[in-house]
């Protein structure tokens, strides 16, 4: 994950270095990019960046992944779905508000919400607004591109099915922040006539300096803080009957300008998990985590849930080696969905094992 505040290289630098030649050892493994005809009227793209052959080759480079893909072709709609927006994304220029198409979006977060698959992305160059891609998860059709305020990293997204509410990671100065919007909003939003979606709630997380991963589980939000090379600090924020976090008591500086109209959420648990986690989701008595940083292979880390509680234990039960730059993961039924950022323009030429699809693996195979 290209985290502006955590890497020594900024995102702008990352975009620049894709023009450098890859090493001789890796040159033969760089995935060929499919040609895309110029179309000035195109908005958010829905076509693949890499060929089916390239994806199959990448999967075979990682035996753990090849074993976890369900039987049959890994390119079936049930196991590999093209990520939208990797070639062009409809957004707005942050300087003049003009509607534009950006070729520089980097996918970050993913969740399933009702009939939708929601994927977040930010512009690596910082020139356009961050977005949510809205896909029909049954047909894989792109139904909308929702524009977010500004250029948040949006490292995590979650869905509360009880209140039909979407939650997003963001930040505010030196604090993590989460914001919400009703599920119905993403269907009504018109990116041509609306500048940005309106958040229903915004909550500061005083015990986290950033919010980079997020999931919903058992009427609570689990939010993780990313700091390169350090243990992942995670906190749980229970939701009340109305689907709101528990508010902290007002403090002496609650009326300061930077806290105006922002309540502070109270956590009922926090703990340290393995370093460099990018996503977490829950299945039965396990916490499943994506662990990734830089161009090294990612890991899918299986943690045991602590006894008699709904919190993950730092004890690692198993790990699986997967392609680099794995981002958020999410469970639906008995399958695990994996989102990668390597199909983005900032990475696709420098990463020989790039992936431009959401992959789905069998949880029964994973936990055998």
Protein backbone atom coordinates (compact mmCIF):
# COMPACT_ATOMS: atom_id res chain seq x y z
CA UNK A 1 0.00 0.00 0.00
CA UNK A 2 1.41 3.37 -0.98
CA UNK A 3 0.86 5.24 2.30
CA UNK A 4 1.75 8.90 1.81
CA UNK A 5 2.77 9.43 5.42
CA UNK A 6 4.59 6.17 6.01
CA UNK A 7 6.79 5.42 3.03
CA UNK A 8 10.11 7.14 2.53
CA UNK A 9 9.03 7.63 -1.08
CA UNK A 10 5.85 9.64 -1.60
CA UNK A 11 3.13 8.58 -3.96
CA UNK A 12 4.31 11.10 -6.55
CA UNK A 13 7.71 9.46 -6.47
CA UNK A 14 6.12 6.05 -6.90
CA UNK A 15 4.35 7.24 -10.02
CA UNK A 16 7.61 8.59 -11.37
CA UNK A 17 9.66 5.43 -10.80
CA UNK A 18 7.39 3.28 -12.93
CA UNK A 19 9.28 4.70 -15.89
CA UNK A 20 12.54 3.14 -14.70
CA UNK A 21 13.64 -0.11 -16.34
CA UNK A 22 13.07 -3.28 -14.35
CA UNK A 23 16.07 -5.44 -13.56
CA UNK A 24 17.16 -8.08 -16.04
CA UNK A 25 16.12 -10.84 -13.66
CA UNK A 26 12.53 -9.57 -13.48
CA UNK A 27 12.13 -8.24 -17.02
CA UNK A 28 10.86 -11.51 -18.45
CA UNK A 29 8.15 -11.72 -15.77
CA UNK A 30 6.63 -8.25 -16.15
CA UNK A 31 2.97 -8.68 -17.07
CA UNK A 32 2.12 -7.34 -20.54
CA UNK A 33 -0.53 -4.62 -20.43
CA UNK A 34 -3.47 -5.09 -22.76
CA UNK A 35 -3.80 -2.34 -25.40
CA UNK A 36 -6.60 0.12 -24.76
CA UNK A 37 -7.89 2.27 -27.65
CA UNK A 38 -8.16 5.98 -26.90
CA UNK A 39 -11.70 7.06 -26.18
CA UNK A 40 -12.12 10.64 -24.94
CA UNK A 41 -15.69 9.97 -23.80
CA UNK A 42 -14.74 7.03 -21.58
CA UNK A 43 -15.44 7.49 -17.86
CA UNK A 44 -14.66 4.70 -15.37
CA UNK A 45 -13.11 1.74 -17.17
CA UNK A 46 -14.27 -1.83 -16.63
CA UNK A 47 -11.77 -3.65 -18.85
CA UNK A 48 -8.87 -5.82 -17.74
CA UNK A 49 -5.31 -4.51 -17.71
CA UNK A 50 -3.66 -7.93 -18.05
CA UNK A 51 -4.44 -10.96 -20.18
CA UNK A 52 -5.91 -14.20 -18.78
CA UNK A 53 -2.59 -15.89 -19.52
CA UNK A 54 -0.72 -13.33 -17.39
CA UNK A 55 -3.06 -13.88 -14.45
CA UNK A 56 -2.68 -17.65 -14.70
CA UNK A 57 1.11 -17.28 -14.71
CA UNK A 58 1.02 -15.09 -11.61
CA UNK A 59 -1.19 -17.58 -9.76
CA UNK A 60 1.19 -20.42 -10.61
CA UNK A 61 4.13 -18.47 -9.15
CA UNK A 62 2.44 -18.81 -5.74
CA UNK A 63 1.60 -22.46 -4.94
CA UNK A 64 -0.41 -21.47 -1.86
CA UNK A 65 -2.68 -19.32 -4.02
CA UNK A 66 -2.95 -21.96 -6.75
CA UNK A 67 -4.06 -24.49 -4.14
CA UNK A 68 -6.64 -22.13 -2.62
CA UNK A 69 -8.34 -21.15 -5.89
CA UNK A 70 -11.48 -23.33 -6.25
CA UNK A 71 -11.36 -26.12 -8.81
CA UNK A 72 -11.84 -25.00 -12.40
CA UNK A 73 -10.43 -22.04 -14.24
CA UNK A 74 -9.14 -19.23 -12.00
CA UNK A 75 -10.63 -16.83 -14.55
CA UNK A 76 -14.24 -17.87 -13.96
CA UNK A 77 -16.51 -15.04 -12.73
CA UNK A 78 -16.72 -16.80 -9.38
CA UNK A 79 -12.97 -16.62 -8.76
CA UNK A 80 -11.60 -13.59 -10.66
CA UNK A 81 -13.47 -10.30 -11.17
CA UNK A 82 -11.91 -7.41 -13.09
CA UNK A 83 -11.32 -4.40 -10.82
CA UNK A 84 -12.93 -1.24 -12.23
CA UNK A 85 -11.18 2.07 -12.72
CA UNK A 86 -7.60 0.87 -13.17
CA UNK A 87 -7.29 2.44 -16.61
CA UNK A 88 -9.55 5.46 -16.15
CA UNK A 89 -11.79 6.67 -13.32
CA UNK A 90 -14.42 9.39 -13.40
CA UNK A 91 -13.56 11.97 -10.74
CA UNK A 92 -13.19 15.71 -10.17
CA UNK A 93 -10.08 17.86 -10.28
CA UNK A 94 -9.34 19.08 -6.77
CA UNK A 95 -8.10 22.47 -7.99
CA UNK A 96 -10.95 23.60 -10.23
CA UNK A 97 -13.76 21.07 -9.65
CA UNK A 98 -13.84 20.01 -13.29
CA UNK A 99 -15.13 16.52 -14.09
CA UNK A 100 -12.17 14.50 -15.41
CA UNK A 101 -10.95 10.95 -15.90
CA UNK A 102 -7.90 9.92 -13.88
CA UNK A 103 -5.57 7.09 -14.97
CA UNK A 104 -3.82 7.07 -11.59
CA UNK A 105 -6.24 5.49 -9.11
CA UNK A 106 -4.91 2.96 -6.59
CA UNK A 107 -7.47 0.53 -5.08
CA UNK A 108 -7.37 0.20 -1.29
CA UNK A 109 -10.50 -1.05 0.46
CA UNK A 110 -13.26 -3.52 -0.37
CA UNK A 111 -16.46 -4.78 1.22
CA UNK A 112 -19.68 -6.49 0.14
CA UNK A 113 -22.84 -4.55 0.91
CA UNK A 114 -26.20 -5.96 -0.09
CA UNK A 115 -26.06 -6.58 -3.82
CA UNK A 116 -22.93 -4.46 -4.21
CA UNK A 117 -19.19 -4.92 -4.14
CA UNK A 118 -17.67 -1.62 -3.01
CA UNK A 119 -14.02 -0.79 -3.74
CA UNK A 120 -12.29 2.42 -2.64
CA UNK A 121 -9.40 4.11 -4.45
CA UNK A 122 -7.30 7.27 -4.26
CA UNK A 123 -5.36 9.21 -6.91
CA UNK A 124 -1.61 8.53 -6.62
CA UNK A 125 -0.85 12.02 -7.94
CA UNK A 126 -3.21 13.75 -5.50
CA UNK A 127 -4.90 15.66 -8.33
CA UNK A 128 -8.44 14.25 -8.14
CA UNK A 129 -10.97 13.15 -5.53
CA UNK A 130 -10.93 9.67 -4.03
CA UNK A 131 -13.78 7.37 -5.08
CA UNK A 132 -15.91 4.32 -4.32
CA UNK A 133 -16.56 1.95 -7.23
CA UNK A 134 -20.01 0.38 -6.98
CA UNK A 135 -20.25 -3.02 -8.68
CA UNK A 136 -23.18 -5.41 -8.83
CA UNK A 137 -21.60 -8.39 -7.13
CA UNK A 138 -23.80 -10.88 -8.97
CA UNK A 139 -23.27 -9.56 -12.51
CA UNK A 140 -19.97 -7.67 -11.87
CA UNK A 141 -21.46 -4.70 -13.72
CA UNK A 142 -20.19 -1.28 -12.62
CA UNK A 143 -23.26 0.65 -11.44
CA UNK A 144 -21.75 3.88 -10.15
CA UNK A 145 -18.63 5.84 -9.25
CA UNK A 146 -19.13 7.73 -5.98
CA UNK A 147 -16.90 10.76 -5.39
CA UNK A 148 -15.53 11.35 -1.88
CA UNK A 149 -14.51 14.64 -0.30
CA UNK A 150 -10.89 15.50 -0.98
CA UNK A 151 -8.21 12.84 -1.41
CA UNK A 152 -8.37 10.52 1.63
CA UNK A 153 -6.37 7.31 1.41
CA UNK A 154 -9.53 5.29 2.23
CA UNK A 155 -7.48 2.30 3.35
CA UNK A 156 -10.54 0.47 4.67
CA UNK A 157 -14.29 0.23 4.10
CA UNK A 158 -16.91 -1.72 6.08
CA UNK A 159 -20.64 -2.38 5.95
CA UNK A 160 -23.09 -2.57 8.85
CA UNK A 161 -25.95 -4.75 7.50
CA UNK A 162 -28.18 -4.12 10.50
CA UNK A 163 -28.36 -0.39 9.80
CA UNK A 164 -27.51 -0.59 6.06
CA UNK A 165 -24.65 1.81 6.62
CA UNK A 166 -21.21 2.09 4.98
CA UNK A 167 -18.17 3.11 7.03
CA UNK A 168 -14.91 4.54 5.63
CA UNK A 169 -11.42 5.16 6.98
CA UNK A 170 -10.14 8.72 6.90
CA UNK A 171 -8.01 11.03 9.05
CA UNK A 172 -8.09 14.40 10.77
CA UNK A 173 -4.77 15.98 11.67
CA UNK A 174 -3.03 13.45 13.95
CA UNK A 175 -6.08 11.30 14.63
CA UNK A 176 -7.75 8.47 12.84
CA UNK A 177 -11.29 9.20 11.70
CA UNK A 178 -14.20 7.12 10.43
CA UNK A 179 -17.10 8.44 8.37
CA UNK A 180 -20.39 6.85 7.37
CA UNK A 181 -23.05 7.12 4.70
CA UNK A 182 -26.29 5.21 4.10
CA UNK A 183 -26.16 2.39 1.58
CA UNK A 184 -28.98 4.06 -0.37
CA UNK A 185 -26.69 7.04 -1.02
CA UNK A 186 -24.41 5.15 -3.37
CA UNK A 187 -27.32 4.32 -5.66
CA UNK A 188 -28.65 7.89 -5.77
CA UNK A 189 -25.29 9.63 -6.15
CA UNK A 190 -24.77 11.33 -9.52
CA UNK A 191 -21.07 12.09 -10.17
CA UNK A 192 -21.93 14.43 -13.05
CA UNK A 193 -24.15 16.76 -11.02
CA UNK A 194 -22.80 16.25 -7.47
CA UNK A 195 -19.39 17.38 -6.24
CA UNK A 196 -19.01 14.79 -3.47
CA UNK A 197 -21.06 12.44 -1.34
CA UNK A 198 -22.40 13.74 1.98
CA UNK A 199 -21.27 11.88 5.11
CA UNK A 200 -23.94 11.03 7.64
CA UNK A 201 -21.50 10.71 10.57
CA UNK A 202 -17.85 11.54 11.27
CA UNK A 203 -16.05 10.30 14.39
CA UNK A 204 -12.55 10.99 15.67
CA UNK A 205 -10.61 8.01 17.05
CA UNK A 206 -8.40 9.55 19.76
CA UNK A 207 -6.44 6.36 20.51
CA UNK A 208 -5.32 5.88 16.87
CA UNK A 209 -2.99 8.26 15.04
CA UNK A 210 -4.35 6.99 11.73
CA UNK A 211 -7.13 4.69 10.52
CA UNK A 212 -5.90 2.47 7.71
CA UNK A 213 -7.91 -0.75 8.06
CA UNK A 214 -11.53 -1.33 8.99
CA UNK A 215 -14.08 -4.10 9.28
CA UNK A 216 -17.49 -4.72 10.87
CA UNK A 217 -18.12 -7.72 13.12
CA UNK A 218 -20.81 -8.46 15.72
CA UNK A 219 -22.19 -4.92 15.98
CA UNK A 220 -18.77 -3.30 16.30
CA UNK A 221 -16.18 -1.61 14.09
CA UNK A 222 -12.59 -2.86 14.25
CA UNK A 223 -10.13 -0.18 13.17
CA UNK A 224 -6.39 -0.71 12.67
CA UNK A 225 -3.48 1.72 12.65
CA UNK A 226 -0.66 1.17 10.14
CA UNK A 227 2.94 2.17 10.88
CA UNK A 228 5.62 0.57 8.74
CA UNK A 229 7.55 -2.16 10.56
CA UNK A 230 5.62 -1.69 13.81
CA UNK A 231 2.98 -3.87 15.40
CA UNK A 232 -0.53 -3.09 14.18
CA UNK A 233 -2.55 -1.31 16.85
CA UNK A 234 -6.20 -2.29 16.58
CA UNK A 235 -9.20 -0.99 18.51
CA UNK A 236 -12.82 -2.10 18.68
CA UNK A 237 -15.60 0.50 18.70
CA UNK A 238 -19.00 -0.95 19.67
CA UNK A 239 -22.10 0.46 17.96
CA UNK A 240 -25.26 1.30 19.88
CA UNK A 241 -28.83 0.41 18.90
CA UNK A 242 -28.90 3.29 16.41
CA UNK A 243 -25.66 2.11 14.78
CA UNK A 244 -23.51 4.92 16.24
CA UNK A 245 -20.20 4.53 18.08
CA UNK A 246 -20.23 5.27 21.80
CA UNK A 247 -19.36 8.94 22.32
CA UNK A 248 -16.68 10.11 24.74
CA UNK A 249 -17.57 12.65 27.39
CA UNK A 250 -16.89 16.25 26.27
CA UNK A 251 -13.44 17.61 27.12
CA UNK A 252 -12.22 21.10 27.89
CA UNK A 253 -11.13 21.69 24.30
CA UNK A 254 -14.14 20.09 22.63
CA UNK A 255 -15.13 23.44 21.14
CA UNK A 256 -11.76 24.00 19.47
CA UNK A 257 -12.09 24.68 15.71
CA UNK A 258 -10.55 21.36 14.66
CA UNK A 259 -13.00 19.36 16.78
CA UNK A 260 -16.10 21.37 15.88
CA UNK A 261 -19.05 18.99 15.35
CA UNK A 262 -16.77 15.95 15.56
CA UNK A 263 -17.47 13.53 18.37
CA UNK A 264 -14.84 11.19 19.76
CA UNK A 265 -15.58 7.48 19.67
CA UNK A 266 -14.86 5.26 22.68
CA UNK A 267 -13.24 1.85 22.21
CA UNK A 268 -13.87 -1.07 24.55
CA UNK A 269 -10.73 -3.00 23.53
CA UNK A 270 -7.41 -2.38 21.88
CA UNK A 271 -4.43 -4.60 21.27
CA UNK A 272 -1.33 -5.22 19.18
CA UNK A 273 -1.42 -7.57 16.18
CA UNK A 274 1.37 -8.55 13.75
CA UNK A 275 3.13 -5.74 11.86
CA UNK A 276 2.18 -4.35 8.46
CA UNK A 277 -1.43 -5.54 8.37
CA UNK A 278 -3.54 -4.06 5.58
CA UNK A 279 -6.88 -5.73 6.22
CA UNK A 280 -8.74 -7.95 8.67
CA UNK A 281 -11.94 -9.98 8.50
CA UNK A 282 -13.54 -12.66 10.68
CA UNK A 283 -14.70 -16.21 10.00
CA UNK A 284 -15.95 -18.54 12.72
CA UNK A 285 -13.26 -18.62 15.45
CA UNK A 286 -10.59 -17.03 13.27
CA UNK A 287 -9.35 -13.57 12.35
CA UNK A 288 -7.95 -13.49 8.80
CA UNK A 289 -5.41 -10.74 8.07
CA UNK A 290 -3.65 -9.49 4.95
CA UNK A 291 -0.02 -8.61 5.66
CA UNK A 292 1.84 -6.65 3.01
CA UNK A 293 4.36 -3.89 2.49
CA UNK A 294 6.39 -2.97 -0.57
CA UNK A 295 7.20 -5.40 -3.37
CA UNK A 296 7.79 -8.47 -1.21
CA UNK A 297 5.31 -11.35 -1.22
CA UNK A 298 2.18 -10.78 0.86
CA UNK A 299 0.99 -13.11 3.57
CA UNK A 300 -2.46 -14.22 4.55
CA UNK A 301 -2.19 -14.56 8.33
CA UNK A 302 -4.64 -16.66 10.34
CA UNK A 303 -5.11 -15.61 13.97
CA UNK A 304 -7.08 -17.46 16.61
CA UNK A 305 -9.80 -15.48 18.35
CA UNK A 306 -9.14 -14.97 22.05
CA UNK A 307 -11.15 -17.32 24.25
CA UNK A 308 -14.60 -16.13 25.33
CA UNK A 309 -14.28 -12.83 23.46
CA UNK A 310 -14.74 -11.37 20.00
CA UNK A 311 -11.18 -10.03 19.74
CA UNK A 312 -8.26 -11.51 17.80
CA UNK A 313 -5.29 -13.03 19.59
CA UNK A 314 -1.80 -12.06 18.35
CA UNK A 315 -0.96 -15.78 18.13
CA UNK A 316 -0.46 -16.80 14.49
CA UNK A 317 -2.10 -20.13 13.60
CA UNK A 318 -0.97 -20.30 9.97
CA UNK A 319 0.35 -18.16 7.12
CA UNK A 320 0.03 -18.42 3.34
CA UNK A 321 2.37 -16.80 0.81
CA UNK A 322 0.50 -14.72 -1.78
CA UNK A 323 1.39 -12.14 -4.48
CA UNK A 324 2.68 -8.74 -3.31
CA UNK A 325 0.61 -5.73 -2.29
CA UNK A 326 -2.50 -7.45 -1.02
CA UNK A 327 -4.90 -4.88 0.42
CA UNK A 328 -8.28 -5.37 2.12
CA UNK A 329 -9.86 -8.81 2.37
CA UNK A 330 -13.47 -9.65 3.13
CA UNK A 331 -15.53 -12.78 3.83
CA UNK A 332 -18.85 -13.63 2.22
CA UNK A 333 -20.39 -17.00 2.96
CA UNK A 334 -17.56 -19.53 2.88
CA UNK A 335 -15.33 -17.60 0.53
CA UNK A 336 -12.63 -15.01 1.02
CA UNK A 337 -12.26 -12.09 -1.42
CA UNK A 338 -8.80 -10.56 -2.01
CA UNK A 339 -8.13 -7.06 -3.33
CA UNK A 340 -4.75 -6.10 -4.84
CA UNK A 341 -3.36 -2.68 -5.73
CA UNK A 342 -0.76 -3.83 -8.28
CA UNK A 343 -3.05 -3.33 -11.28
CA UNK A 344 -2.74 0.44 -10.69
CA UNK A 345 -0.57 2.47 -13.08
CA UNK A 346 1.85 3.30 -10.25
CA UNK A 347 2.76 -0.37 -9.82
CA UNK A 348 1.81 -2.48 -12.82
CA UNK A 349 5.13 -2.13 -14.68
CA UNK A 350 7.43 -2.35 -11.67
CA UNK A 351 5.69 -5.38 -10.15
CA UNK A 352 6.23 -8.62 -12.13
CA UNK A 353 3.37 -10.38 -10.32
CA UNK A 354 0.73 -7.69 -10.72
CA UNK A 355 -2.97 -8.55 -10.35
CA UNK A 356 -5.89 -6.55 -11.75
CA UNK A 357 -8.72 -8.72 -10.44
CA UNK A 358 -10.50 -9.40 -7.18
CA UNK A 359 -9.65 -13.04 -6.40
CA UNK A 360 -11.92 -15.35 -4.44
CA UNK A 361 -10.64 -18.39 -2.55
CA UNK A 362 -12.28 -21.23 -0.70
CA UNK A 363 -12.30 -20.90 3.08
CA UNK A 364 -12.75 -24.65 3.50
CA UNK A 365 -9.44 -25.17 1.68
CA UNK A 366 -7.79 -22.37 3.60
CA UNK A 367 -8.69 -23.74 7.03
CA UNK A 368 -8.33 -27.46 6.34
